[in-house]
Amino acid sequence: MERHEHVRNLILFGVAGLALAALPNVLSVYLRSFVLFTMMYVVLALSWNIISGFTGYTSFGHVAFYGIGAYACAILVSDYKWHWLPTLGVAAVLAAVVGVAIGYPVLRLKGPYFAIAMLGAAEGTRVVATVWDSLTHGGLGISLPSAETSFETYYAMLVLMLVTTVVAYVVGHSRFGIRLNAIREDEVAAEALGINATLYKLAAFTLSAMFPAVAGGIQAYKVLYIDPPSVFFVQITIAMALMSMLGGKGTVIGPIVGAVILYTAQELTWVNFPTAHLIAYGLFIVLVARFMPRGLVGFAIDRGWVRKGMVH
């Protein structure tokens, strides 16, 4: 990709960020929350894409890091009276440490074995949060001090989304990203070429763990109450994966497009088909998977509507 295309893409990100920054004052509380949740899912989809799209290791357990971040924020704010912003840094560091601890053994597995192992890790984390009463308050959950948080959390999520997007873009267009793609295409051949697959996989996995943790911390402060079933809900991981695949995993713009469209579709089906929204939502996903197996970005490239360099 030529230099001017990189500059153009980053300018577009900046313009989108400025537009989103101007929205809260003109949005209702519901629409402000809707945009915030959309940005959160953009963060989650981009994060999942780093390990599962660029590297090819499909994770069904990334919700563990989201939950860890939510609990780090809730515990420090509720029990230790911290201001909520520094807790986001703690959440990121804690997720990185846990990511290394989980990733080092689990990334030795491949394919469905890795996916199942990550699902087990997420469930194990949920059980720990449920039974560790002295730290997590167990199944009772944690209530944060009541406050008006919609503006604060909106801008925090916006900054997080912009940072995540820039990091994903840099990874996708760097030597680091090229080596991750080489591992995805043929790990044995990549190692034969001198790529330390273990190191690169662990770095990608750790990086992909940090952003969901920060998103979880912001979300905890927004909703002011968390418990294990709500923040270790496996459907959150499924949503990350579906959004990334819908837009086109292994790209940068794909997870963004997928998150915006799928979360909007989810909200619209819930509003218009309250008794059958899951059926409508599922049908939408099936149709996309059937007719656009490479996602919306791949479909657009195949039809010649956009050049590959414009969306990668």
C-alpha atoms as a PDB file:
ATOM      1  CA  MET A   1       0.000   0.000   0.000  1.00  0.00           C
ATOM      2  CA  GLU A   2       1.327   3.427  -0.907  1.00  0.00           C
ATOM      3  CA  ARG A   3       2.137   6.002   1.714  1.00  0.00           C
ATOM      4  CA  HIS A   4      -0.680   8.369   0.677  1.00  0.00           C
ATOM      5  CA  GLU A   5      -3.226   5.584   1.209  1.00  0.00           C
ATOM      6  CA  HIS A   6      -2.017   5.128   4.785  1.00  0.00           C
ATOM      7  CA  VAL A   7      -2.332   8.869   5.364  1.00  0.00           C
ATOM      8  CA  ARG A   8      -5.795   8.930   3.786  1.00  0.00           C
ATOM      9  CA  ASN A   9      -7.020   6.052   5.925  1.00  0.00           C
ATOM     10  CA  LEU A  10      -5.717   7.594   9.131  1.00  0.00           C
ATOM     11  CA  ILE A  11      -7.341  10.911   8.218  1.00  0.00           C
ATOM     12  CA  LEU A  12     -10.647   9.097   7.704  1.00  0.00           C
ATOM     13  CA  PHE A  13     -10.285   7.522  11.164  1.00  0.00           C
ATOM     14  CA  GLY A  14      -9.636  10.971  12.613  1.00  0.00           C
ATOM     15  CA  VAL A  15     -12.652  12.542  10.894  1.00  0.00           C
ATOM     16  CA  ALA A  16     -14.867   9.702  12.109  1.00  0.00           C
ATOM     17  CA  GLY A  17     -13.526  10.220  15.631  1.00  0.00           C
ATOM     18  CA  LEU A  18     -14.287  13.952  15.547  1.00  0.00           C
ATOM     19  CA  ALA A  19     -17.805  13.276  14.287  1.00  0.00           C
ATOM     20  CA  LEU A  20     -18.438  10.780  17.075  1.00  0.00           C
ATOM     21  CA  ALA A  21     -17.011  13.212  19.641  1.00  0.00           C
ATOM     22  CA  ALA A  22     -19.601  15.804  18.617  1.00  0.00           C
ATOM     23  CA  LEU A  23     -22.579  13.439  18.905  1.00  0.00           C
ATOM     24  CA  PRO A  24     -23.323  13.048  22.654  1.00  0.00           C
ATOM     25  CA  ASN A  25     -24.772  16.529  23.125  1.00  0.00           C
ATOM     26  CA  VAL A  26     -27.368  15.986  20.406  1.00  0.00           C
ATOM     27  CA  LEU A  27     -28.302  12.385  21.193  1.00  0.00           C
ATOM     28  CA  SER A  28     -30.934  11.062  23.558  1.00  0.00           C
ATOM     29  CA  VAL A  29     -29.814   8.859  26.439  1.00  0.00           C
ATOM     30  CA  TYR A  30     -30.870   5.748  24.518  1.00  0.00           C
ATOM     31  CA  LEU A  31     -29.021   6.712  21.319  1.00  0.00           C
ATOM     32  CA  ARG A  32     -25.952   7.701  23.309  1.00  0.00           C
ATOM     33  CA  SER A  33     -25.942   4.270  24.899  1.00  0.00           C
ATOM     34  CA  PHE A  34     -26.530   2.656  21.512  1.00  0.00           C
ATOM     35  CA  VAL A  35     -23.486   4.383  20.004  1.00  0.00           C
ATOM     36  CA  LEU A  36     -21.411   3.516  23.078  1.00  0.00           C
ATOM     37  CA  PHE A  37     -22.305  -0.181  22.827  1.00  0.00           C
ATOM     38  CA  THR A  38     -21.579  -0.113  19.096  1.00  0.00           C
ATOM     39  CA  MET A  39     -18.120   1.323  19.773  1.00  0.00           C
ATOM     40  CA  MET A  40     -17.578  -1.311  22.458  1.00  0.00           C
ATOM     41  CA  TYR A  41     -18.324  -4.101  20.000  1.00  0.00           C
ATOM     42  CA  VAL A  42     -15.994  -2.502  17.459  1.00  0.00           C
ATOM     43  CA  VAL A  43     -13.256  -2.755  20.099  1.00  0.00           C
ATOM     44  CA  LEU A  44     -14.132  -6.362  20.890  1.00  0.00           C
ATOM     45  CA  ALA A  45     -14.307  -7.417  17.231  1.00  0.00           C
ATOM     46  CA  LEU A  46     -10.992  -5.735  16.373  1.00  0.00           C
ATOM     47  CA  SER A  47      -9.343  -7.330  19.406  1.00  0.00           C
ATOM     48  CA  TRP A  48     -10.623 -10.807  18.538  1.00  0.00           C
ATOM     49  CA  ASN A  49      -9.434 -10.272  14.968  1.00  0.00           C
ATOM     50  CA  ILE A  50      -5.819  -9.777  16.064  1.00  0.00           C
ATOM     51  CA  ILE A  51      -5.486 -13.359  17.288  1.00  0.00           C
ATOM     52  CA  SER A  52      -8.213 -15.079  15.278  1.00  0.00           C
ATOM     53  CA  GLY A  53      -8.184 -13.103  12.012  1.00  0.00           C
ATOM     54  CA  PHE A  54      -4.529 -12.176  11.559  1.00  0.00           C
ATOM     55  CA  THR A  55      -3.083 -15.262  13.266  1.00  0.00           C
ATOM     56  CA  GLY A  56      -5.766 -17.855  12.531  1.00  0.00           C
ATOM     57  CA  TYR A  57      -6.312 -19.100  16.103  1.00  0.00           C
ATOM     58  CA  THR A  58     -10.082 -18.989  16.630  1.00  0.00           C
ATOM     59  CA  SER A  59     -10.820 -18.076  20.245  1.00  0.00           C
ATOM     60  CA  PHE A  60     -14.113 -18.889  21.970  1.00  0.00           C
ATOM     61  CA  GLY A  61     -12.946 -17.535  25.301  1.00  0.00           C
ATOM     62  CA  HIS A  62     -12.071 -13.870  24.841  1.00  0.00           C
ATOM     63  CA  VAL A  63     -14.943 -12.904  27.109  1.00  0.00           C
ATOM     64  CA  ALA A  64     -12.645 -13.954  29.988  1.00  0.00           C
ATOM     65  CA  PHE A  65     -10.570 -10.805  29.470  1.00  0.00           C
ATOM     66  CA  TYR A  66     -13.671  -8.633  29.191  1.00  0.00           C
ATOM     67  CA  GLY A  67     -14.881 -10.025  32.522  1.00  0.00           C
ATOM     68  CA  ILE A  68     -11.478  -9.624  34.166  1.00  0.00           C
ATOM     69  CA  GLY A  69     -11.436  -5.948  33.179  1.00  0.00           C
ATOM     70  CA  ALA A  70     -14.972  -5.415  34.442  1.00  0.00           C
ATOM     71  CA  TYR A  71     -14.149  -6.946  37.814  1.00  0.00           C
ATOM     72  CA  ALA A  72     -10.847  -5.054  38.129  1.00  0.00           C
ATOM     73  CA  CYS A  73     -12.715  -1.763  37.700  1.00  0.00           C
ATOM     74  CA  ALA A  74     -15.654  -2.715  39.922  1.00  0.00           C
ATOM     75  CA  ILE A  75     -13.529  -4.017  42.803  1.00  0.00           C
ATOM     76  CA  LEU A  76     -11.145  -1.049  42.828  1.00  0.00           C
ATOM     77  CA  VAL A  77     -13.938   1.519  42.577  1.00  0.00           C
ATOM     78  CA  SER A  78     -16.372  -0.130  44.996  1.00  0.00           C
ATOM     79  CA  ASP A  79     -14.069  -1.644  47.631  1.00  0.00           C
ATOM     80  CA  TYR A  80     -10.961   0.539  47.434  1.00  0.00           C
ATOM     81  CA  LYS A  81     -12.538   3.869  46.384  1.00  0.00           C
ATOM     82  CA  TRP A  82     -10.316   4.416  43.353  1.00  0.00           C
ATOM     83  CA  HIS A  83     -11.249   6.857  40.631  1.00  0.00           C
ATOM     84  CA  TRP A  84     -12.478   4.740  37.731  1.00  0.00           C
ATOM     85  CA  LEU A  85     -10.019   5.945  35.078  1.00  0.00           C
ATOM     86  CA  PRO A  86      -6.829   4.486  36.673  1.00  0.00           C
ATOM     87  CA  THR A  87      -8.610   1.162  37.075  1.00  0.00           C
ATOM     88  CA  LEU A  88      -8.652   0.822  33.279  1.00  0.00           C
ATOM     89  CA  GLY A  89      -4.849   0.710  33.265  1.00  0.00           C
ATOM     90  CA  VAL A  90      -4.922  -1.956  35.963  1.00  0.00           C
ATOM     91  CA  ALA A  91      -7.447  -3.917  33.896  1.00  0.00           C
ATOM     92  CA  ALA A  92      -5.173  -3.817  30.835  1.00  0.00           C
ATOM     93  CA  VAL A  93      -2.087  -4.933  32.774  1.00  0.00           C
ATOM     94  CA  LEU A  94      -3.996  -7.690  34.585  1.00  0.00           C
ATOM     95  CA  ALA A  95      -5.421  -8.967  31.284  1.00  0.00           C
ATOM     96  CA  ALA A  96      -1.939  -8.980  29.754  1.00  0.00           C
ATOM     97  CA  VAL A  97      -0.569 -11.030  32.668  1.00  0.00           C
ATOM     98  CA  VAL A  98      -3.464 -13.485  32.490  1.00  0.00           C
ATOM     99  CA  GLY A  99      -3.112 -13.570  28.700  1.00  0.00           C
ATOM    100  CA  VAL A 100       0.509 -14.677  28.983  1.00  0.00           C
ATOM    101  CA  ALA A 101      -0.368 -17.243  31.672  1.00  0.00           C
ATOM    102  CA  ILE A 102      -3.194 -18.728  29.587  1.00  0.00           C
ATOM    103  CA  GLY A 103      -1.693 -18.227  26.156  1.00  0.00           C
ATOM    104  CA  TYR A 104       1.683 -19.858  26.733  1.00  0.00           C
ATOM    105  CA  PRO A 105       0.263 -23.375  27.253  1.00  0.00           C
ATOM    106  CA  VAL A 106      -2.968 -23.035  25.256  1.00  0.00           C
ATOM    107  CA  LEU A 107      -1.380 -21.650  22.068  1.00  0.00           C
ATOM    108  CA  ARG A 108       0.437 -24.950  21.675  1.00  0.00           C
ATOM    109  CA  LEU A 109      -2.950 -26.344  20.646  1.00  0.00           C
ATOM    110  CA  LYS A 110      -4.428 -25.776  17.203  1.00  0.00           C
ATOM    111  CA  GLY A 111      -7.795 -25.611  15.496  1.00  0.00           C
ATOM    112  CA  PRO A 112     -10.794 -26.842  17.488  1.00  0.00           C
ATOM    113  CA  TYR A 113      -8.565 -27.884  20.397  1.00  0.00           C
ATOM    114  CA  PHE A 114      -7.470 -24.295  20.928  1.00  0.00           C
ATOM    115  CA  ALA A 115     -11.051 -23.037  20.559  1.00  0.00           C
ATOM    116  CA  ILE A 116     -12.373 -25.517  23.138  1.00  0.00           C
ATOM    117  CA  ALA A 117      -9.485 -24.837  25.508  1.00  0.00           C
ATOM    118  CA  MET A 118     -10.262 -21.115  25.403  1.00  0.00           C
ATOM    119  CA  LEU A 119     -13.937 -21.799  26.028  1.00  0.00           C
ATOM    120  CA  GLY A 120     -12.897 -23.828  29.071  1.00  0.00           C
ATOM    121  CA  ALA A 121     -10.610 -21.019  30.258  1.00  0.00           C
ATOM    122  CA  ALA A 122     -13.484 -18.534  30.066  1.00  0.00           C
ATOM    123  CA  GLU A 123     -15.803 -20.844  31.978  1.00  0.00           C
ATOM    124  CA  GLY A 124     -13.098 -21.466  34.569  1.00  0.00           C
ATOM    125  CA  THR A 125     -12.660 -17.724  35.050  1.00  0.00           C
ATOM    126  CA  ARG A 126     -16.413 -17.342  35.528  1.00  0.00           C
ATOM    127  CA  VAL A 127     -16.407 -20.074  38.190  1.00  0.00           C
ATOM    128  CA  VAL A 128     -13.516 -18.413  40.025  1.00  0.00           C
ATOM    129  CA  ALA A 129     -15.400 -15.098  40.016  1.00  0.00           C
ATOM    130  CA  THR A 130     -18.475 -16.880  41.360  1.00  0.00           C
ATOM    131  CA  VAL A 131     -16.823 -18.726  44.261  1.00  0.00           C
ATOM    132  CA  TRP A 132     -14.177 -16.184  45.349  1.00  0.00           C
ATOM    133  CA  ASP A 133     -16.553 -14.312  47.645  1.00  0.00           C
ATOM    134  CA  SER A 134     -13.905 -12.383  49.564  1.00  0.00           C
ATOM    135  CA  LEU A 135     -12.646 -10.666  46.412  1.00  0.00           C
ATOM    136  CA  THR A 136     -15.458 -10.693  43.855  1.00  0.00           C
ATOM    137  CA  HIS A 137     -18.510 -10.807  46.178  1.00  0.00           C
ATOM    138  CA  GLY A 138     -19.433 -14.087  44.482  1.00  0.00           C
ATOM    139  CA  GLY A 139     -22.810 -14.560  42.869  1.00  0.00           C
ATOM    140  CA  LEU A 140     -24.186 -11.414  44.529  1.00  0.00           C
ATOM    141  CA  GLY A 141     -22.181  -9.265  42.152  1.00  0.00           C
ATOM    142  CA  ILE A 142     -20.813  -5.789  42.770  1.00  0.00           C
ATOM    143  CA  SER A 143     -22.744  -2.520  42.797  1.00  0.00           C
ATOM    144  CA  LEU A 144     -20.750   0.600  41.974  1.00  0.00           C
ATOM    145  CA  PRO A 145     -21.548   4.031  43.427  1.00  0.00           C
ATOM    146  CA  SER A 146     -24.544   5.483  41.618  1.00  0.00           C
ATOM    147  CA  ALA A 147     -23.605   8.334  39.293  1.00  0.00           C
ATOM    148  CA  GLU A 148     -24.362   9.873  35.913  1.00  0.00           C
ATOM    149  CA  THR A 149     -21.755   8.202  33.730  1.00  0.00           C
ATOM    150  CA  SER A 150     -23.132   8.330  30.194  1.00  0.00           C
ATOM    151  CA  PHE A 151     -20.909  11.198  28.977  1.00  0.00           C
ATOM    152  CA  GLU A 152     -17.726  10.042  30.732  1.00  0.00           C
ATOM    153  CA  THR A 153     -18.015   6.464  29.573  1.00  0.00           C
ATOM    154  CA  TYR A 154     -18.981   7.545  26.055  1.00  0.00           C
ATOM    155  CA  TYR A 155     -15.775   9.518  25.569  1.00  0.00           C
ATOM    156  CA  ALA A 156     -13.663   6.847  27.260  1.00  0.00           C
ATOM    157  CA  MET A 157     -15.065   4.212  24.901  1.00  0.00           C
ATOM    158  CA  LEU A 158     -14.513   6.521  21.934  1.00  0.00           C
ATOM    159  CA  VAL A 159     -10.838   6.984  22.832  1.00  0.00           C
ATOM    160  CA  LEU A 160     -10.462   3.233  23.375  1.00  0.00           C
ATOM    161  CA  MET A 161     -12.061   2.502  19.994  1.00  0.00           C
ATOM    162  CA  LEU A 162      -9.757   4.943  18.198  1.00  0.00           C
ATOM    163  CA  VAL A 163      -6.671   3.527  19.928  1.00  0.00           C
ATOM    164  CA  THR A 164      -7.734  -0.039  19.155  1.00  0.00           C
ATOM    165  CA  THR A 165      -8.379   0.843  15.516  1.00  0.00           C
ATOM    166  CA  VAL A 166      -4.982   2.504  15.110  1.00  0.00           C
ATOM    167  CA  VAL A 167      -3.198  -0.414  16.817  1.00  0.00           C
ATOM    168  CA  ALA A 168      -5.041  -2.939  14.624  1.00  0.00           C
ATOM    169  CA  TYR A 169      -4.183  -0.884  11.547  1.00  0.00           C
ATOM    170  CA  VAL A 170      -0.498  -0.683  12.486  1.00  0.00           C
ATOM    171  CA  VAL A 171      -0.397  -4.421  13.217  1.00  0.00           C
ATOM    172  CA  GLY A 172      -2.124  -5.222   9.943  1.00  0.00           C
ATOM    173  CA  HIS A 173       0.382  -3.173   7.929  1.00  0.00           C
ATOM    174  CA  SER A 174       3.614  -4.029   9.736  1.00  0.00           C
ATOM    175  CA  ARG A 175       6.178  -6.821   9.613  1.00  0.00           C
ATOM    176  CA  PHE A 176       4.599  -8.118  12.785  1.00  0.00           C
ATOM    177  CA  GLY A 177       1.267  -8.480  10.992  1.00  0.00           C
ATOM    178  CA  ILE A 178       2.874 -10.084   7.929  1.00  0.00           C
ATOM    179  CA  ARG A 179       4.454 -12.706  10.183  1.00  0.00           C
ATOM    180  CA  LEU A 180       1.134 -13.329  11.912  1.00  0.00           C
ATOM    181  CA  ASN A 181      -0.424 -13.884   8.482  1.00  0.00           C
ATOM    182  CA  ALA A 182       2.381 -16.280   7.599  1.00  0.00           C
ATOM    183  CA  ILE A 183       1.598 -18.257  10.765  1.00  0.00           C
ATOM    184  CA  ARG A 184      -2.076 -18.297   9.798  1.00  0.00           C
ATOM    185  CA  GLU A 185      -1.364 -19.605   6.293  1.00  0.00           C
ATOM    186  CA  ASP A 186       1.219 -22.265   7.236  1.00  0.00           C
ATOM    187  CA  GLU A 187       2.773 -22.295  10.680  1.00  0.00           C
ATOM    188  CA  VAL A 188       5.308 -25.025   9.863  1.00  0.00           C
ATOM    189  CA  ALA A 189       6.532 -23.123   6.804  1.00  0.00           C
ATOM    190  CA  ALA A 190       6.694 -19.895   8.811  1.00  0.00           C
ATOM    191  CA  GLU A 191       8.893 -21.540  11.424  1.00  0.00           C
ATOM    192  CA  ALA A 192      11.084 -22.997   8.665  1.00  0.00           C
ATOM    193  CA  LEU A 193      11.637 -19.421   7.449  1.00  0.00           C
ATOM    194  CA  GLY A 194      12.901 -18.443  10.895  1.00  0.00           C
ATOM    195  CA  ILE A 195       9.751 -16.936  12.404  1.00  0.00           C
ATOM    196  CA  ASN A 196       9.448 -17.641  16.127  1.00  0.00           C
ATOM    197  CA  ALA A 197       5.802 -18.697  15.947  1.00  0.00           C
ATOM    198  CA  THR A 198       5.417 -19.182  19.700  1.00  0.00           C
ATOM    199  CA  LEU A 199       6.657 -15.667  20.470  1.00  0.00           C
ATOM    200  CA  TYR A 200       4.539 -13.999  17.793  1.00  0.00           C
ATOM    201  CA  LYS A 201       1.385 -15.910  18.719  1.00  0.00           C
ATOM    202  CA  LEU A 202       1.839 -15.059  22.390  1.00  0.00           C
ATOM    203  CA  ALA A 203       2.429 -11.380  21.592  1.00  0.00           C
ATOM    204  CA  ALA A 204      -0.717 -11.244  19.427  1.00  0.00           C
ATOM    205  CA  PHE A 205      -2.753 -13.090  22.040  1.00  0.00           C
ATOM    206  CA  THR A 206      -1.610 -10.777  24.845  1.00  0.00           C
ATOM    207  CA  LEU A 207      -2.296  -7.677  22.762  1.00  0.00           C
ATOM    208  CA  SER A 208      -5.755  -8.975  21.858  1.00  0.00           C
ATOM    209  CA  ALA A 209      -6.515  -9.539  25.566  1.00  0.00           C
ATOM    210  CA  MET A 210      -5.834  -5.994  26.735  1.00  0.00           C
ATOM    211  CA  PHE A 211      -8.458  -4.053  24.788  1.00  0.00           C
ATOM    212  CA  PRO A 212     -11.464  -6.209  25.833  1.00  0.00           C
ATOM    213  CA  ALA A 213     -10.374  -5.779  29.456  1.00  0.00           C
ATOM    214  CA  VAL A 214     -10.433  -1.986  29.178  1.00  0.00           C
ATOM    215  CA  ALA A 215     -13.806  -2.165  27.409  1.00  0.00           C
ATOM    216  CA  GLY A 216     -15.112  -4.338  30.245  1.00  0.00           C
ATOM    217  CA  GLY A 217     -13.919  -1.804  32.806  1.00  0.00           C
ATOM    218  CA  ILE A 218     -15.652   1.076  31.026  1.00  0.00           C
ATOM    219  CA  GLN A 219     -18.814  -0.960  30.673  1.00  0.00           C
ATOM    220  CA  ALA A 220     -18.796  -1.873  34.378  1.00  0.00           C
ATOM    221  CA  TYR A 221     -18.644   1.798  35.317  1.00  0.00           C
ATOM    222  CA  LYS A 222     -21.447   2.609  32.904  1.00  0.00           C
ATOM    223  CA  VAL A 223     -23.962  -0.020  34.056  1.00  0.00           C
ATOM    224  CA  LEU A 224     -22.918   0.330  37.749  1.00  0.00           C
ATOM    225  CA  TYR A 225     -23.550  -3.356  38.496  1.00  0.00           C
ATOM    226  CA  ILE A 226     -21.841  -6.568  37.400  1.00  0.00           C
ATOM    227  CA  ASP A 227     -22.062 -10.244  38.281  1.00  0.00           C
ATOM    228  CA  PRO A 228     -20.355 -13.336  36.804  1.00  0.00           C
ATOM    229  CA  PRO A 229     -23.146 -14.375  34.383  1.00  0.00           C
ATOM    230  CA  SER A 230     -23.339 -10.911  32.813  1.00  0.00           C
ATOM    231  CA  VAL A 231     -19.627 -10.244  32.202  1.00  0.00           C
ATOM    232  CA  PHE A 232     -18.482 -13.821  31.493  1.00  0.00           C
ATOM    233  CA  PHE A 233     -21.380 -14.473  29.106  1.00  0.00           C
ATOM    234  CA  VAL A 234     -20.119 -16.682  26.260  1.00  0.00           C
ATOM    235  CA  GLN A 235     -22.411 -14.905  23.796  1.00  0.00           C
ATOM    236  CA  ILE A 236     -20.119 -11.876  24.033  1.00  0.00           C
ATOM    237  CA  THR A 237     -17.289 -13.930  22.519  1.00  0.00           C
ATOM    238  CA  ILE A 238     -19.654 -15.307  19.890  1.00  0.00           C
ATOM    239  CA  ALA A 239     -20.642 -11.738  19.008  1.00  0.00           C
ATOM    240  CA  MET A 240     -16.965 -10.751  18.612  1.00  0.00           C
ATOM    241  CA  ALA A 241     -16.401 -13.660  16.232  1.00  0.00           C
ATOM    242  CA  LEU A 242     -19.584 -13.130  14.209  1.00  0.00           C
ATOM    243  CA  MET A 243     -18.951  -9.415  13.797  1.00  0.00           C
ATOM    244  CA  SER A 244     -15.400  -9.987  12.630  1.00  0.00           C
ATOM    245  CA  MET A 245     -16.427 -12.724  10.194  1.00  0.00           C
ATOM    246  CA  LEU A 246     -19.392 -10.723   8.912  1.00  0.00           C
ATOM    247  CA  GLY A 247     -17.210  -7.779   7.957  1.00  0.00           C
ATOM    248  CA  GLY A 248     -14.242  -9.885   6.881  1.00  0.00           C
ATOM    249  CA  LYS A 249     -11.749 -11.279   9.384  1.00  0.00           C
ATOM    250  CA  GLY A 250      -8.085 -10.730   8.731  1.00  0.00           C
ATOM    251  CA  THR A 251      -8.751  -7.145   7.626  1.00  0.00           C
ATOM    252  CA  VAL A 252      -8.894  -3.935   9.649  1.00  0.00           C
ATOM    253  CA  ILE A 253     -12.076  -2.386   8.308  1.00  0.00           C
ATOM    254  CA  GLY A 254     -13.993  -5.693   8.275  1.00  0.00           C
ATOM    255  CA  PRO A 255     -14.542  -6.051  12.048  1.00  0.00           C
ATOM    256  CA  ILE A 256     -15.570  -2.373  12.241  1.00  0.00           C
ATOM    257  CA  VAL A 257     -18.176  -2.780   9.499  1.00  0.00           C
ATOM    258  CA  GLY A 258     -19.343  -6.091  10.954  1.00  0.00           C
ATOM    259  CA  ALA A 259     -19.732  -4.681  14.469  1.00  0.00           C
ATOM    260  CA  VAL A 260     -21.731  -1.660  13.307  1.00  0.00           C
ATOM    261  CA  ILE A 261     -24.043  -3.671  11.050  1.00  0.00           C
ATOM    262  CA  LEU A 262     -24.568  -6.670  13.329  1.00  0.00           C
ATOM    263  CA  TYR A 263     -25.175  -4.675  16.507  1.00  0.00           C
ATOM    264  CA  THR A 264     -27.569  -2.376  14.621  1.00  0.00           C
ATOM    265  CA  ALA A 265     -29.368  -5.419  13.184  1.00  0.00           C
ATOM    266  CA  GLN A 266     -29.580  -6.927  16.658  1.00  0.00           C
ATOM    267  CA  GLU A 267     -31.154  -3.785  18.089  1.00  0.00           C
ATOM    268  CA  LEU A 268     -33.580  -3.377  15.185  1.00  0.00           C
ATOM    269  CA  THR A 269     -34.762  -6.985  15.336  1.00  0.00           C
ATOM    270  CA  TRP A 270     -35.184  -6.717  19.097  1.00  0.00           C
ATOM    271  CA  VAL A 271     -37.290  -3.562  18.716  1.00  0.00           C
ATOM    272  CA  ASN A 272     -39.375  -4.707  15.757  1.00  0.00           C
ATOM    273  CA  PHE A 273     -39.633  -8.435  16.493  1.00  0.00           C
ATOM    274  CA  PRO A 274     -39.534  -8.687  20.300  1.00  0.00           C
ATOM    275  CA  THR A 275     -40.978 -12.211  20.322  1.00  0.00           C
ATOM    276  CA  ALA A 276     -38.817 -13.565  17.512  1.00  0.00           C
ATOM    277  CA  HIS A 277     -35.760 -11.327  17.394  1.00  0.00           C
ATOM    278  CA  LEU A 278     -33.311 -14.191  17.921  1.00  0.00           C
ATOM    279  CA  ILE A 279     -34.783 -16.051  14.931  1.00  0.00           C
ATOM    280  CA  ALA A 280     -34.546 -12.945  12.738  1.00  0.00           C
ATOM    281  CA  TYR A 281     -31.015 -12.243  13.997  1.00  0.00           C
ATOM    282  CA  GLY A 282     -29.946 -15.834  13.321  1.00  0.00           C
ATOM    283  CA  LEU A 283     -31.515 -15.826   9.843  1.00  0.00           C
ATOM    284  CA  PHE A 284     -29.588 -12.678   8.991  1.00  0.00           C
ATOM    285  CA  ILE A 285     -26.309 -14.351   9.996  1.00  0.00           C
ATOM    286  CA  VAL A 286     -27.122 -17.522   8.028  1.00  0.00           C
ATOM    287  CA  LEU A 287     -27.863 -15.528   4.858  1.00  0.00           C
ATOM    288  CA  VAL A 288     -24.615 -13.590   5.145  1.00  0.00           C
ATOM    289  CA  ALA A 289     -22.606 -16.788   5.776  1.00  0.00           C
ATOM    290  CA  ARG A 290     -24.278 -18.467   2.783  1.00  0.00           C
ATOM    291  CA  PHE A 291     -23.862 -15.707   0.229  1.00  0.00           C
ATOM    292  CA  MET A 292     -20.826 -13.821   1.587  1.00  0.00           C
ATOM    293  CA  PRO A 293     -18.459 -16.457   3.063  1.00  0.00           C
ATOM    294  CA  ARG A 294     -15.519 -14.025   3.014  1.00  0.00           C
ATOM    295  CA  GLY A 295     -17.562 -11.319   4.698  1.00  0.00           C
ATOM    296  CA  LEU A 296     -18.750  -8.004   3.355  1.00  0.00           C
ATOM    297  CA  VAL A 297     -15.235  -6.758   2.630  1.00  0.00           C
ATOM    298  CA  GLY A 298     -14.344  -9.899   0.679  1.00  0.00           C
ATOM    299  CA  PHE A 299     -17.640  -9.665  -1.220  1.00  0.00           C
ATOM    300  CA  ALA A 300     -16.937  -6.037  -2.166  1.00  0.00           C
ATOM    301  CA  ILE A 301     -13.397  -6.899  -3.308  1.00  0.00           C
ATOM    302  CA  ASP A 302     -14.605  -9.861  -5.375  1.00  0.00           C
ATOM    303  CA  ARG A 303     -17.174  -7.657  -7.120  1.00  0.00           C
ATOM    304  CA  GLY A 304     -14.548  -4.996  -7.837  1.00  0.00           C
ATOM    305  CA  TRP A 305     -16.420  -2.355  -5.847  1.00  0.00           C
ATOM    306  CA  VAL A 306     -13.334  -1.475  -3.804  1.00  0.00           C
ATOM    307  CA  ARG A 307      -9.624  -2.127  -4.146  1.00  0.00           C
ATOM    308  CA  LYS A 308      -7.975  -4.428  -1.628  1.00  0.00           C
ATOM    309  CA  GLY A 309      -5.607  -1.682  -0.482  1.00  0.00           C
ATOM    310  CA  MET A 310      -8.515   0.593   0.426  1.00  0.00           C
ATOM    311  CA  VAL A 311      -9.955  -1.766   3.042  1.00  0.00           C
ATOM    312  CA  HIS A 312      -6.962  -3.648   4.397  1.00  0.00           C
END
